[in-house]
């Protein structure tokens, strides 16, 4: 009996021991799994609260806002994050964005190759949460030159803008406007807004037109008035290679106003007035509301219309290359004194009032519409290739013929316009 009791006691002890081991093992296993879960959760939390880098924020922008593909867009990022309370300025608004939380700032040019103003985006990405905000814009931010190109298109564009900086000197030239009484005047204008956005193609546009006026239409230097950027160009302001500076004035609103006033008081009654503008332009609120970019400012369509009203001579021709240039037409025509014979007025624009204008796609560093328009009136391209836009074979190229030729040759996404205040106004020549 004693042996049997001991045997039973040992069996019970063994069973209890096994049960205790199983309980301890299960508890340990449960604790280990729970510990692993807590560790993973802690790693995820740490990952979430780790501030985003510029590269990571850039990846999120492309993935979430552009579905992983930027296409032909150019994207720029500021190398330093923006602190809460910082304001970001555009050309027109000093307070385009106010940063609410420490964030990365990106600028996306949605239409590289178009003149400003055109579709663009300002994007801010919260460093802590990755939350994004996309703000529609129409110009680069003022600080774009301090940003970094993040794709090949932006890197190329940044290189162009840096070269633009070298084309003007860091000063505004101020001098009095003085004109000599002439029978004809040509006023050539390029503002550019600032050095970085004053593209080299605008200088080429002006130079091409300047040579056409002098070489084919026999305008003298005194009859061609050039308003360009801040009044400087490097290495020189010589359009025709004769060693003289052909820039007359900075392209400011004050100078443009004074030039129009001076031309109005000196041009002959039977004279010709020609106005030619290239560079940027904007779309103001309201139908057919646009502006022409100058140096650090713009002139609105109705303001320009009021200037045009002062010109009294036989004929006036206006050519505008800028974005939304079609919006200038109605204000100029409405400003005239009818029956509109002093002067007869014809206006040609690269684009409608609701669309952007473009640089050349295949012809080199020029703007598309006026490259072909100037080729038509000059009778040749900048490289000397002959151009014949004289469709009625009268030995002259009228404004209508030049426009129709340029419109036919224009391969960009723009729709050139022509308008006049009286029948026959577009039949004139330069």
Protein backbone atom coordinates (compact mmCIF):
# COMPACT_ATOMS: atom_id res chain seq x y z
CA UNK A 1 0.00 0.00 0.00
CA UNK A 2 2.82 2.40 0.82
CA UNK A 3 4.56 1.78 -2.49
CA UNK A 4 1.32 2.25 -4.37
CA UNK A 5 0.74 5.58 -2.57
CA UNK A 6 4.19 6.82 -3.45
CA UNK A 7 3.68 5.82 -7.08
CA UNK A 8 0.41 7.74 -7.21
CA UNK A 9 2.00 10.75 -5.49
CA UNK A 10 4.81 10.85 -8.06
CA UNK A 11 2.30 10.67 -10.94
CA UNK A 12 0.33 13.55 -9.47
CA UNK A 13 3.50 15.59 -8.96
CA UNK A 14 4.57 14.92 -12.54
CA UNK A 15 1.18 15.96 -13.92
CA UNK A 16 1.18 19.14 -11.83
CA UNK A 17 4.72 19.94 -12.96
CA UNK A 18 3.79 19.46 -16.61
CA UNK A 19 0.71 21.64 -16.21
CA UNK A 20 2.73 24.37 -14.54
CA UNK A 21 5.33 24.22 -17.30
CA UNK A 22 2.62 24.43 -19.95
CA UNK A 23 1.01 27.39 -18.18
CA UNK A 24 4.33 29.17 -17.81
CA UNK A 25 5.28 28.43 -21.42
CA UNK A 26 1.93 29.76 -22.69
CA UNK A 27 2.24 32.86 -20.54
CA UNK A 28 5.78 33.44 -21.76
CA UNK A 29 4.76 32.88 -25.39
CA UNK A 30 1.84 35.30 -25.00
CA UNK A 31 4.10 37.87 -23.37
CA UNK A 32 6.68 37.46 -26.13
CA UNK A 33 4.07 37.96 -28.89
CA UNK A 34 2.65 40.96 -27.08
CA UNK A 35 6.16 42.40 -26.68
CA UNK A 36 6.83 41.93 -30.38
CA UNK A 37 3.56 43.68 -31.27
CA UNK A 38 4.38 46.58 -28.98
CA UNK A 39 7.83 46.89 -30.48
CA UNK A 40 6.40 46.96 -34.03
CA UNK A 41 3.83 49.57 -33.00
CA UNK A 42 6.55 51.66 -31.40
CA UNK A 43 8.62 51.46 -34.60
CA UNK A 44 5.60 52.56 -36.65
CA UNK A 45 4.98 55.50 -34.31
CA UNK A 46 8.63 56.50 -34.47
CA UNK A 47 8.46 56.24 -38.27
CA UNK A 48 5.40 58.51 -38.35
CA UNK A 49 6.88 61.18 -36.12
CA UNK A 50 10.23 61.19 -37.96
CA UNK A 51 10.21 64.47 -39.98
CA UNK A 52 10.03 64.01 -43.74
CA UNK A 53 13.12 64.76 -45.79
CA UNK A 54 12.89 66.86 -48.96
CA UNK A 55 13.39 63.75 -51.09
CA UNK A 56 10.65 61.82 -49.29
CA UNK A 57 8.25 64.76 -49.53
CA UNK A 58 9.08 65.04 -53.24
CA UNK A 59 8.25 61.36 -53.74
CA UNK A 60 4.91 61.79 -51.97
CA UNK A 61 4.00 64.79 -54.11
CA UNK A 62 4.68 62.93 -57.35
CA UNK A 63 2.93 59.76 -56.17
CA UNK A 64 -0.17 61.28 -54.60
CA UNK A 65 -0.79 64.44 -56.65
CA UNK A 66 0.50 63.33 -60.05
CA UNK A 67 -0.15 59.57 -59.89
CA UNK A 68 3.55 58.82 -60.06
CA UNK A 69 4.17 60.60 -63.37
CA UNK A 70 5.01 64.30 -63.87
CA UNK A 71 4.97 64.11 -67.67
CA UNK A 72 6.36 67.31 -69.18
CA UNK A 73 6.06 69.29 -65.94
CA UNK A 74 9.03 70.83 -64.14
CA UNK A 75 9.20 70.49 -60.34
CA UNK A 76 11.32 72.60 -58.00
CA UNK A 77 11.80 72.22 -54.26
CA UNK A 78 13.16 74.61 -51.68
CA UNK A 79 16.24 73.01 -50.05
CA UNK A 80 15.21 74.27 -46.59
CA UNK A 81 11.82 73.64 -45.03
CA UNK A 82 9.55 76.59 -44.40
CA UNK A 83 8.85 77.37 -40.76
CA UNK A 84 5.38 78.07 -39.45
CA UNK A 85 4.31 81.66 -40.13
CA UNK A 86 6.54 82.19 -43.19
CA UNK A 87 4.87 83.83 -46.19
CA UNK A 88 5.54 82.90 -49.80
CA UNK A 89 5.14 85.59 -52.46
CA UNK A 90 4.21 85.33 -56.13
CA UNK A 91 4.74 88.06 -58.72
CA UNK A 92 1.43 89.65 -57.97
CA UNK A 93 0.76 88.69 -54.36
CA UNK A 94 3.23 89.18 -51.48
CA UNK A 95 1.10 86.81 -49.38
CA UNK A 96 0.27 84.03 -51.82
CA UNK A 97 0.74 81.39 -49.08
CA UNK A 98 1.16 81.54 -45.31
CA UNK A 99 2.78 78.39 -43.89
CA UNK A 100 0.66 76.99 -41.03
CA UNK A 101 3.06 74.21 -39.99
CA UNK A 102 6.71 73.47 -40.67
CA UNK A 103 6.55 72.31 -44.30
CA UNK A 104 8.46 71.59 -47.46
CA UNK A 105 7.67 73.93 -50.35
CA UNK A 106 7.48 72.85 -54.01
CA UNK A 107 6.79 74.77 -57.20
CA UNK A 108 5.49 72.93 -60.28
CA UNK A 109 5.57 74.56 -63.71
CA UNK A 110 2.63 72.87 -65.41
CA UNK A 111 3.42 74.27 -68.90
CA UNK A 112 7.18 74.65 -69.47
CA UNK A 113 7.89 76.54 -72.68
CA UNK A 114 4.88 78.82 -72.37
CA UNK A 115 5.35 82.48 -71.56
CA UNK A 116 4.19 83.56 -68.14
CA UNK A 117 1.52 83.82 -66.90
CA UNK A 118 0.40 80.20 -67.22
CA UNK A 119 -0.73 77.26 -65.10
CA UNK A 120 1.52 76.40 -62.17
CA UNK A 121 1.16 74.99 -58.67
CA UNK A 122 2.55 75.84 -55.25
CA UNK A 123 2.61 72.76 -52.99
CA UNK A 124 3.33 72.60 -49.27
CA UNK A 125 3.94 69.29 -47.47
CA UNK A 126 3.72 69.08 -43.67
CA UNK A 127 7.06 67.70 -42.41
CA UNK A 128 5.45 65.81 -39.55
CA UNK A 129 2.30 64.29 -41.06
CA UNK A 130 2.93 64.38 -44.81
CA UNK A 131 -0.32 66.25 -45.30
CA UNK A 132 -0.28 68.17 -48.61
CA UNK A 133 -1.87 71.36 -49.88
CA UNK A 134 -1.83 72.34 -53.58
CA UNK A 135 -2.47 75.98 -54.51
CA UNK A 136 -3.12 77.06 -58.10
CA UNK A 137 -0.74 79.77 -59.36
CA UNK A 138 0.03 81.63 -62.59
CA UNK A 139 3.60 82.81 -61.96
CA UNK A 140 6.75 81.46 -60.30
CA UNK A 141 7.30 82.31 -56.65
CA UNK A 142 9.54 85.32 -56.08
CA UNK A 143 12.14 83.01 -54.51
CA UNK A 144 12.27 80.52 -57.39
CA UNK A 145 15.97 81.20 -57.98
CA UNK A 146 16.70 79.88 -54.47
CA UNK A 147 14.95 76.60 -55.22
CA UNK A 148 16.37 73.36 -56.56
CA UNK A 149 15.40 71.59 -59.78
CA UNK A 150 14.15 68.10 -58.89
CA UNK A 151 13.67 66.58 -62.34
CA UNK A 152 15.46 66.95 -65.67
CA UNK A 153 12.96 69.50 -66.99
CA UNK A 154 13.39 71.71 -63.91
CA UNK A 155 17.18 71.36 -63.89
CA UNK A 156 17.27 72.51 -67.51
CA UNK A 157 14.88 75.36 -66.78
CA UNK A 158 16.93 76.48 -63.78
CA UNK A 159 20.02 76.57 -65.98
CA UNK A 160 18.21 78.87 -68.41
CA UNK A 161 17.05 81.18 -65.61
CA UNK A 162 20.56 81.41 -64.19
CA UNK A 163 21.87 82.39 -67.61
CA UNK A 164 19.08 84.97 -67.79
CA UNK A 165 20.52 86.62 -64.68
CA UNK A 166 23.73 87.35 -66.55
CA UNK A 167 21.93 89.22 -69.34
CA UNK A 168 21.00 92.30 -67.34
CA UNK A 169 23.00 94.42 -64.96
CA UNK A 170 21.77 94.79 -61.37
CA UNK A 171 20.56 98.36 -61.76
CA UNK A 172 17.68 100.26 -63.28
CA UNK A 173 18.67 102.80 -65.91
CA UNK A 174 16.77 106.06 -65.48
CA UNK A 175 16.94 108.71 -68.17
CA UNK A 176 14.64 111.32 -69.63
CA UNK A 177 12.61 110.48 -72.72
CA UNK A 178 13.50 112.76 -75.64
CA UNK A 179 12.16 112.26 -79.16
CA UNK A 180 12.77 114.09 -82.41
CA UNK A 181 9.78 114.81 -84.64
CA UNK A 182 9.48 112.02 -87.21
CA UNK A 183 7.00 110.79 -89.77
CA UNK A 184 7.10 107.27 -88.36
CA UNK A 185 7.91 105.59 -85.06
CA UNK A 186 8.35 101.98 -83.95
CA UNK A 187 8.14 101.15 -80.25
CA UNK A 188 9.56 97.75 -79.26
CA UNK A 189 8.89 96.51 -75.72
CA UNK A 190 10.06 93.64 -73.53
CA UNK A 191 9.64 93.84 -69.76
CA UNK A 192 10.51 90.34 -68.55
CA UNK A 193 9.34 91.11 -64.97
CA UNK A 194 12.74 90.26 -63.46
CA UNK A 195 16.17 89.06 -64.53
CA UNK A 196 15.47 85.34 -64.04
CA UNK A 197 12.29 85.42 -66.12
CA UNK A 198 13.65 87.72 -68.84
CA UNK A 199 14.38 84.93 -71.30
CA UNK A 200 17.01 85.23 -73.98
CA UNK A 201 14.41 84.54 -76.66
CA UNK A 202 12.82 87.91 -75.91
CA UNK A 203 16.05 89.68 -76.80
CA UNK A 204 16.18 87.61 -79.98
CA UNK A 205 12.58 88.57 -80.81
CA UNK A 206 13.41 92.27 -80.48
CA UNK A 207 16.67 92.02 -82.39
CA UNK A 208 14.99 90.19 -85.27
CA UNK A 209 12.30 92.89 -85.49
CA UNK A 210 14.84 95.70 -85.13
CA UNK A 211 16.85 94.38 -88.08
CA UNK A 212 13.71 94.02 -90.19
CA UNK A 213 12.74 97.64 -89.52
CA UNK A 214 16.20 98.99 -90.32
CA UNK A 215 17.21 96.77 -93.20
CA UNK A 216 13.93 96.34 -95.07
CA UNK A 217 11.75 99.28 -94.05
CA UNK A 218 14.56 101.81 -93.66
CA UNK A 219 13.71 102.99 -90.15
CA UNK A 220 16.53 104.98 -88.56
CA UNK A 221 17.76 104.44 -85.01
CA UNK A 222 15.91 107.60 -83.97
CA UNK A 223 12.66 106.18 -85.31
CA UNK A 224 12.95 102.94 -83.31
CA UNK A 225 12.36 103.26 -79.57
CA UNK A 226 13.34 100.24 -77.48
CA UNK A 227 12.11 99.70 -73.92
CA UNK A 228 13.87 96.64 -72.53
CA UNK A 229 13.96 95.10 -69.04
CA UNK A 230 15.70 97.46 -66.61
CA UNK A 231 17.42 99.32 -69.46
CA UNK A 232 20.48 97.07 -69.61
CA UNK A 233 21.66 94.01 -71.51
CA UNK A 234 24.94 92.12 -71.26
CA UNK A 235 27.39 92.04 -72.89
CA UNK A 236 25.91 95.02 -74.75
CA UNK A 237 22.67 96.52 -76.04
CA UNK A 238 23.66 96.54 -79.70
CA UNK A 239 21.00 94.99 -81.95
CA UNK A 240 22.48 95.71 -85.36
CA UNK A 241 26.23 95.40 -84.81
CA UNK A 242 27.11 99.05 -85.37
CA UNK A 243 28.67 99.40 -81.93
CA UNK A 244 25.97 101.59 -80.38
CA UNK A 245 23.57 100.82 -77.57
CA UNK A 246 20.10 100.38 -79.07
CA UNK A 247 18.23 100.19 -75.74
CA UNK A 248 16.60 103.53 -75.11
CA UNK A 249 14.75 103.09 -71.81
CA UNK A 250 13.84 100.62 -69.09
CA UNK A 251 10.49 98.92 -69.70
CA UNK A 252 8.60 100.58 -66.87
CA UNK A 253 5.03 101.86 -66.95
CA UNK A 254 6.25 105.40 -66.37
CA UNK A 255 8.62 105.22 -69.35
CA UNK A 256 6.03 103.60 -71.60
CA UNK A 257 3.53 106.33 -70.71
CA UNK A 258 6.09 109.04 -71.41
CA UNK A 259 7.05 107.47 -74.74
CA UNK A 260 3.41 107.39 -75.87
CA UNK A 261 2.92 110.98 -74.79
CA UNK A 262 6.08 112.03 -76.62
CA UNK A 263 5.18 110.14 -79.80
CA UNK A 264 1.68 111.62 -79.71
CA UNK A 265 3.12 115.14 -79.59
CA UNK A 266 5.77 114.62 -82.28
CA UNK A 267 4.51 112.15 -84.89
CA UNK A 268 3.40 113.63 -88.20
CA UNK A 269 -0.30 113.67 -89.10
CA UNK A 270 0.39 111.44 -92.10
CA UNK A 271 2.75 109.24 -90.12
CA UNK A 272 2.94 105.55 -89.21
CA UNK A 273 3.01 104.15 -85.69
CA UNK A 274 4.15 100.57 -85.00
CA UNK A 275 4.04 98.89 -81.58
CA UNK A 276 5.59 95.48 -80.96
CA UNK A 277 5.67 93.64 -77.61
CA UNK A 278 7.11 90.32 -76.52
CA UNK A 279 7.56 88.57 -73.13
CA UNK A 280 4.92 87.74 -70.50
CA UNK A 281 1.31 88.73 -69.96
CA UNK A 282 -1.43 88.05 -67.46
CA UNK A 283 -5.11 87.20 -67.29
CA UNK A 284 -6.98 89.62 -65.02
CA UNK A 285 -10.37 88.88 -63.48
CA UNK A 286 -13.26 89.30 -65.90
CA UNK A 287 -13.84 88.62 -69.59
CA UNK A 288 -11.28 90.02 -72.05
CA UNK A 289 -9.15 91.38 -69.20
CA UNK A 290 -5.42 91.01 -69.67
CA UNK A 291 -2.14 92.83 -69.11
CA UNK A 292 1.34 93.22 -70.56
CA UNK A 293 4.29 92.49 -68.29
CA UNK A 294 6.90 95.21 -67.85
CA UNK A 295 9.90 95.36 -65.48
CA UNK A 296 8.55 94.34 -62.05
CA UNK A 297 5.05 95.54 -62.93
CA UNK A 298 2.34 95.27 -65.57
CA UNK A 299 0.15 97.58 -67.60
CA UNK A 300 -3.50 96.57 -67.81
CA UNK A 301 -5.38 96.40 -71.10
CA UNK A 302 -7.58 99.43 -70.37
CA UNK A 303 -4.51 101.45 -69.33
CA UNK A 304 -2.81 100.56 -72.59
CA UNK A 305 -5.99 101.39 -74.49
CA UNK A 306 -5.93 104.86 -72.96
CA UNK A 307 -2.33 105.33 -74.15
CA UNK A 308 -3.20 104.22 -77.67
CA UNK A 309 -5.97 106.82 -77.83
CA UNK A 310 -3.31 109.54 -77.72
CA UNK A 311 -1.72 108.48 -81.01
CA UNK A 312 -3.04 110.53 -83.93
CA UNK A 313 -1.55 109.79 -87.35
CA UNK A 314 -2.44 107.95 -90.55
CA UNK A 315 -2.00 104.33 -89.40
CA UNK A 316 -1.22 102.39 -86.24
CA UNK A 317 -0.17 98.74 -86.08
CA UNK A 318 0.00 96.73 -82.83
CA UNK A 319 1.58 93.28 -82.44
CA UNK A 320 1.45 91.43 -79.09
CA UNK A 321 3.16 88.11 -78.35
CA UNK A 322 2.37 87.70 -74.63
CA UNK A 323 -0.03 85.25 -72.98
CA UNK A 324 -3.70 86.33 -73.08
CA UNK A 325 -2.71 88.97 -75.62
CA UNK A 326 -6.10 88.74 -77.34
CA UNK A 327 -7.55 90.55 -74.34
CA UNK A 328 -5.70 93.73 -75.33
CA UNK A 329 -7.61 94.07 -78.59
CA UNK A 330 -11.05 95.20 -77.42
CA UNK A 331 -9.66 97.93 -75.16
CA UNK A 332 -7.48 99.40 -77.90
CA UNK A 333 -10.30 99.37 -80.44
CA UNK A 334 -12.82 100.86 -78.00
CA UNK A 335 -10.39 103.66 -77.15
CA UNK A 336 -10.17 104.95 -80.73
CA UNK A 337 -12.04 107.94 -82.08
CA UNK A 338 -14.40 106.75 -84.77
CA UNK A 339 -14.75 106.58 -87.76
CA UNK A 340 -11.22 105.44 -86.88
CA UNK A 341 -9.23 106.97 -89.72
CA UNK A 342 -6.73 108.99 -87.64
CA UNK A 343 -5.29 106.50 -87.23
CA UNK A 344 -6.68 103.37 -88.85
CA UNK A 345 -5.81 100.64 -86.36
CA UNK A 346 -4.96 96.96 -86.82
CA UNK A 347 -4.03 94.64 -83.94
CA UNK A 348 -2.46 91.18 -84.12
CA UNK A 349 -1.99 88.85 -81.15
CA UNK A 350 -0.31 85.49 -80.64
CA UNK A 351 -3.13 84.12 -78.52
CA UNK A 352 -6.77 84.55 -77.63
CA UNK A 353 -7.77 86.40 -74.50
CA UNK A 354 -8.11 83.10 -72.62
CA UNK A 355 -4.95 81.21 -73.54
CA UNK A 356 -1.20 81.28 -73.11
CA UNK A 357 1.40 81.91 -75.81
CA UNK A 358 4.46 79.81 -76.45
CA UNK A 359 8.14 79.80 -77.31
CA UNK A 360 9.18 78.21 -80.59
CA UNK A 361 9.10 74.42 -80.66
CA UNK A 362 11.58 73.82 -83.49
CA UNK A 363 12.81 77.19 -84.77
CA UNK A 364 15.21 78.06 -81.96
CA UNK A 365 15.21 80.63 -79.15
CA UNK A 366 12.33 82.83 -80.30
CA UNK A 367 8.60 83.03 -79.65
CA UNK A 368 6.42 81.05 -82.01
CA UNK A 369 3.95 83.56 -83.45
CA UNK A 370 6.20 86.57 -83.83
CA UNK A 371 9.04 84.45 -85.19
CA UNK A 372 6.84 83.64 -88.18
CA UNK A 373 5.22 87.11 -88.27
CA UNK A 374 8.60 88.86 -88.37
CA UNK A 375 9.89 86.35 -90.94
CA UNK A 376 6.88 87.27 -93.10
CA UNK A 377 7.40 91.04 -92.99
CA UNK A 378 11.20 90.71 -93.30
CA UNK A 379 11.03 88.20 -96.14
CA UNK A 380 13.44 85.83 -94.45
CA UNK A 381 14.12 83.94 -91.25
CA UNK A 382 16.87 84.93 -88.77
CA UNK A 383 19.19 82.47 -90.53
CA UNK A 384 18.50 84.07 -93.93
CA UNK A 385 16.16 81.42 -95.38
CA UNK A 386 13.78 83.19 -97.81
CA UNK A 387 10.11 83.62 -96.83
CA UNK A 388 7.37 84.69 -99.22
CA UNK A 389 4.15 85.80 -97.53
CA UNK A 390 3.06 88.03 -100.43
CA UNK A 391 -0.02 86.04 -101.43
CA UNK A 392 -1.48 88.67 -103.76
CA UNK A 393 1.87 89.17 -105.54
CA UNK A 394 1.85 92.97 -105.30
CA UNK A 395 5.45 93.09 -104.12
CA UNK A 396 4.50 94.00 -100.53
CA UNK A 397 3.56 92.10 -97.38
CA UNK A 398 0.51 93.57 -95.70
CA UNK A 399 -0.34 93.10 -92.05
CA UNK A 400 -3.10 90.69 -93.03
CA UNK A 401 -0.69 88.64 -95.16
CA UNK A 402 1.92 88.57 -92.37
CA UNK A 403 -0.69 87.46 -89.86
CA UNK A 404 -2.13 84.76 -92.10
CA UNK A 405 1.36 83.42 -92.81
CA UNK A 406 2.27 83.35 -89.11
CA UNK A 407 -1.05 81.74 -88.21
CA UNK A 408 -0.51 79.04 -90.84
CA UNK A 409 3.03 78.32 -89.62
CA UNK A 410 2.21 78.45 -85.89
CA UNK A 411 2.39 74.87 -84.58
CA UNK A 412 1.92 75.64 -80.91
CA UNK A 413 -1.28 75.34 -78.88
CA UNK A 414 -2.33 78.94 -79.46
CA UNK A 415 -4.76 80.73 -81.75
CA UNK A 416 -3.45 84.01 -83.25
CA UNK A 417 -6.00 86.82 -83.62
CA UNK A 418 -6.38 89.89 -85.84
CA UNK A 419 -8.75 92.80 -85.51
CA UNK A 420 -9.17 96.32 -86.84
CA UNK A 421 -11.37 99.35 -86.38
CA UNK A 422 -12.00 100.11 -90.03
CA UNK A 423 -12.08 98.26 -93.34
CA UNK A 424 -8.67 98.17 -95.01
CA UNK A 425 -6.64 98.75 -91.84
CA UNK A 426 -4.97 95.36 -92.18
CA UNK A 427 -3.94 96.05 -95.80
CA UNK A 428 -1.16 98.44 -94.77
CA UNK A 429 2.55 97.65 -94.59
CA UNK A 430 5.25 98.72 -92.17
